[in-house]
N, C-alpha and C. Protein backbone atom coordinates (compact mmCIF):
# COMPACT_ATOMS: atom_id res chain seq x y z
N UNK A 1 -15.17 231.12 73.39
CA UNK A 1 -14.91 229.67 73.48
C UNK A 1 -13.93 229.70 74.51
N UNK A 2 -14.00 229.06 75.55
CA UNK A 2 -12.61 229.39 76.35
C UNK A 2 -12.76 228.14 77.20
N UNK A 3 -13.56 227.00 76.54
CA UNK A 3 -13.72 225.52 77.46
C UNK A 3 -12.96 224.63 76.54
N UNK A 4 -12.76 223.52 77.63
CA UNK A 4 -12.05 222.31 76.99
C UNK A 4 -12.88 221.49 76.42
N UNK A 5 -12.33 220.70 75.27
CA UNK A 5 -13.45 219.83 74.65
C UNK A 5 -12.64 218.43 75.06
N UNK A 6 -13.34 217.38 75.35
CA UNK A 6 -12.90 215.97 75.49
C UNK A 6 -13.70 215.27 74.68
N UNK A 7 -12.98 214.47 73.60
CA UNK A 7 -13.34 213.25 72.75
C UNK A 7 -13.13 211.83 73.08
N UNK A 8 -13.82 211.14 73.43
CA UNK A 8 -13.67 209.70 73.73
C UNK A 8 -13.77 208.79 72.44
N UNK A 9 -12.88 207.80 72.34
CA UNK A 9 -12.93 207.38 71.24
C UNK A 9 -12.72 205.77 71.63
N UNK A 10 -13.42 204.79 71.15
CA UNK A 10 -13.07 203.18 71.44
C UNK A 10 -12.73 202.56 70.25
N UNK A 11 -11.78 201.38 70.68
CA UNK A 11 -11.27 200.87 69.86
C UNK A 11 -12.37 199.65 68.94
N UNK A 12 -12.37 199.50 67.95
CA UNK A 12 -13.36 198.32 67.57
C UNK A 12 -12.72 197.03 67.48
N UNK A 13 -12.97 196.21 68.47
CA UNK A 13 -12.74 194.96 68.69
C UNK A 13 -12.56 193.91 67.66
N UNK A 14 -13.79 194.04 66.72
CA UNK A 14 -13.94 193.24 65.63
C UNK A 14 -13.05 193.55 64.47
N UNK A 15 -12.30 194.54 64.50
CA UNK A 15 -11.61 195.20 63.15
C UNK A 15 -9.94 194.93 63.64
N UNK A 16 -9.23 194.19 62.92
CA UNK A 16 -7.60 194.53 63.29
C UNK A 16 -7.52 195.84 62.52
N UNK A 17 -6.09 196.10 63.54
CA UNK A 17 -5.66 197.44 62.94
C UNK A 17 -6.10 198.71 63.80
N UNK A 18 -5.54 199.79 63.55
CA UNK A 18 -5.90 200.94 64.52
C UNK A 18 -7.45 201.59 63.82
N UNK A 19 -8.23 201.29 64.36
CA UNK A 19 -9.89 201.60 63.75
C UNK A 19 -10.54 201.83 65.10
N UNK A 20 -11.09 203.24 64.92
CA UNK A 20 -11.76 203.73 66.39
C UNK A 20 -13.24 204.33 65.75
N UNK A 21 -14.15 204.30 66.87
CA UNK A 21 -15.35 204.91 66.94
C UNK A 21 -15.53 205.98 67.76
N UNK A 22 -16.08 207.21 67.44
CA UNK A 22 -16.13 208.02 68.42
C UNK A 22 -17.43 207.91 69.53
N UNK A 23 -17.08 207.62 70.85
CA UNK A 23 -18.28 207.40 71.79
C UNK A 23 -19.07 208.54 72.24
N UNK A 24 -18.25 209.84 72.53
CA UNK A 24 -18.92 210.93 72.87
C UNK A 24 -18.13 212.18 73.05
N UNK A 25 -18.52 213.42 73.12
CA UNK A 25 -17.69 214.61 73.18
C UNK A 25 -18.31 215.37 74.54
N UNK A 26 -17.49 215.78 75.19
CA UNK A 26 -17.83 216.51 76.51
C UNK A 26 -17.31 217.59 76.38
N UNK A 27 -17.97 219.03 77.13
CA UNK A 27 -17.14 220.00 77.26
C UNK A 27 -16.96 220.54 78.90
N UNK A 28 -15.85 220.94 79.10
CA UNK A 28 -15.52 221.53 80.64
C UNK A 28 -15.15 222.90 80.55
N UNK A 29 -15.27 223.44 81.72
CA UNK A 29 -14.68 224.72 82.07
C UNK A 29 -13.03 224.75 82.22
N UNK A 30 -12.61 223.78 82.80
CA UNK A 30 -11.18 223.80 83.04
C UNK A 30 -10.38 222.28 82.84
N UNK A 31 -9.19 222.28 82.69
CA UNK A 31 -8.24 221.18 82.32
C UNK A 31 -8.84 219.96 83.46
N UNK A 32 -8.62 220.75 84.73
CA UNK A 32 -8.70 219.86 86.00
C UNK A 32 -10.29 219.17 85.80
N UNK A 33 -11.16 219.90 85.34
CA UNK A 33 -12.60 219.10 85.42
C UNK A 33 -12.53 217.68 84.21
N UNK A 34 -11.71 218.16 83.17
CA UNK A 34 -11.44 216.91 82.34
C UNK A 34 -11.00 215.74 82.72
N UNK A 35 -9.48 216.15 83.54
CA UNK A 35 -8.76 215.14 84.41
C UNK A 35 -9.87 214.17 85.50
N UNK A 36 -10.58 215.07 86.12
CA UNK A 36 -11.51 214.34 87.22
C UNK A 36 -12.42 213.62 86.19
N UNK A 37 -12.96 214.06 85.32
CA UNK A 37 -13.80 213.20 84.62
C UNK A 37 -13.43 212.03 83.99
N UNK A 38 -12.28 212.18 83.67
CA UNK A 38 -11.53 210.82 82.92
C UNK A 38 -11.38 209.55 83.79
N UNK A 39 -10.80 210.25 85.23
CA UNK A 39 -10.74 209.34 86.02
C UNK A 39 -11.79 208.64 86.57
N UNK A 40 -12.80 209.30 86.93
CA UNK A 40 -14.17 209.03 87.42
C UNK A 40 -14.60 207.78 86.69
N UNK A 41 -14.70 207.88 85.22
CA UNK A 41 -15.26 206.75 84.42
C UNK A 41 -14.69 205.91 83.24
N UNK A 42 -13.36 206.26 83.17
CA UNK A 42 -12.57 205.45 82.22
C UNK A 42 -11.37 204.78 82.54
N UNK A 43 -10.94 203.80 82.31
CA UNK A 43 -9.71 203.02 82.38
C UNK A 43 -8.92 203.35 80.85
N UNK A 44 -8.31 204.53 80.79
CA UNK A 44 -8.02 204.96 79.20
C UNK A 44 -6.80 204.27 78.86
N UNK A 45 -6.89 203.38 77.75
CA UNK A 45 -5.53 203.31 76.82
C UNK A 45 -4.50 204.16 76.39
N UNK A 46 -5.09 205.33 76.23
CA UNK A 46 -4.26 206.46 75.67
C UNK A 46 -4.98 207.77 76.02
N UNK A 47 -4.27 208.97 76.38
CA UNK A 47 -4.74 209.91 76.61
C UNK A 47 -3.96 210.97 75.82
N UNK A 48 -4.51 211.99 75.10
CA UNK A 48 -3.44 212.79 74.61
C UNK A 48 -3.97 214.31 74.63
N UNK A 49 -3.16 215.34 75.13
CA UNK A 49 -3.66 216.60 75.37
C UNK A 49 -3.19 217.67 74.30
N UNK A 50 -3.98 218.33 73.96
CA UNK A 50 -3.52 219.26 72.93
C UNK A 50 -3.85 220.92 73.65
N UNK A 51 -2.90 221.30 74.54
CA UNK A 51 -2.85 222.24 75.44
C UNK A 51 -3.38 223.70 74.62
N UNK A 52 -2.78 224.01 73.49
CA UNK A 52 -2.77 224.88 72.60
C UNK A 52 -4.00 225.16 72.10
N UNK A 53 -5.07 224.15 71.76
CA UNK A 53 -6.30 224.15 71.06
C UNK A 53 -7.51 223.79 72.38
N UNK A 54 -6.80 223.53 73.58
CA UNK A 54 -7.67 223.09 74.75
C UNK A 54 -8.61 221.92 74.50
N UNK A 55 -8.17 221.09 73.87
CA UNK A 55 -8.48 219.60 73.39
C UNK A 55 -8.03 218.46 74.13
N UNK A 56 -8.47 217.25 74.38
CA UNK A 56 -8.18 216.37 75.11
C UNK A 56 -8.81 214.87 74.01
N UNK A 57 -8.09 214.27 73.97
CA UNK A 57 -8.47 212.95 73.10
C UNK A 57 -8.22 211.65 73.83
N UNK A 58 -8.97 210.93 74.21
CA UNK A 58 -8.94 209.51 75.14
C UNK A 58 -9.68 208.44 74.23
N UNK A 59 -8.56 207.37 74.18
CA UNK A 59 -8.66 206.06 73.65
C UNK A 59 -8.96 205.04 74.48
N UNK A 60 -10.57 204.36 74.86
CA UNK A 60 -10.83 203.47 75.49
C UNK A 60 -10.70 202.21 74.86
N UNK A 61 -10.63 201.19 75.46
CA UNK A 61 -10.92 199.79 74.91
C UNK A 61 -12.35 199.34 74.60
N UNK A 62 -12.94 199.05 73.21
CA UNK A 62 -14.16 198.66 72.90
C UNK A 62 -14.36 197.38 73.41
């Protein structure tokens, strides 16, 4: 398994504090593919990269 995994989370607007809901999980061949996907689809509030695990987590406003 040599692919990148992107997890998209959204904030729960009706809940105070830091509560998130998982929106989707996508897999990509390269990190550049992940970056392009995020740029094309989301205005992200926070992007966190885990290069050693080939994972990316994105938080969007719900």
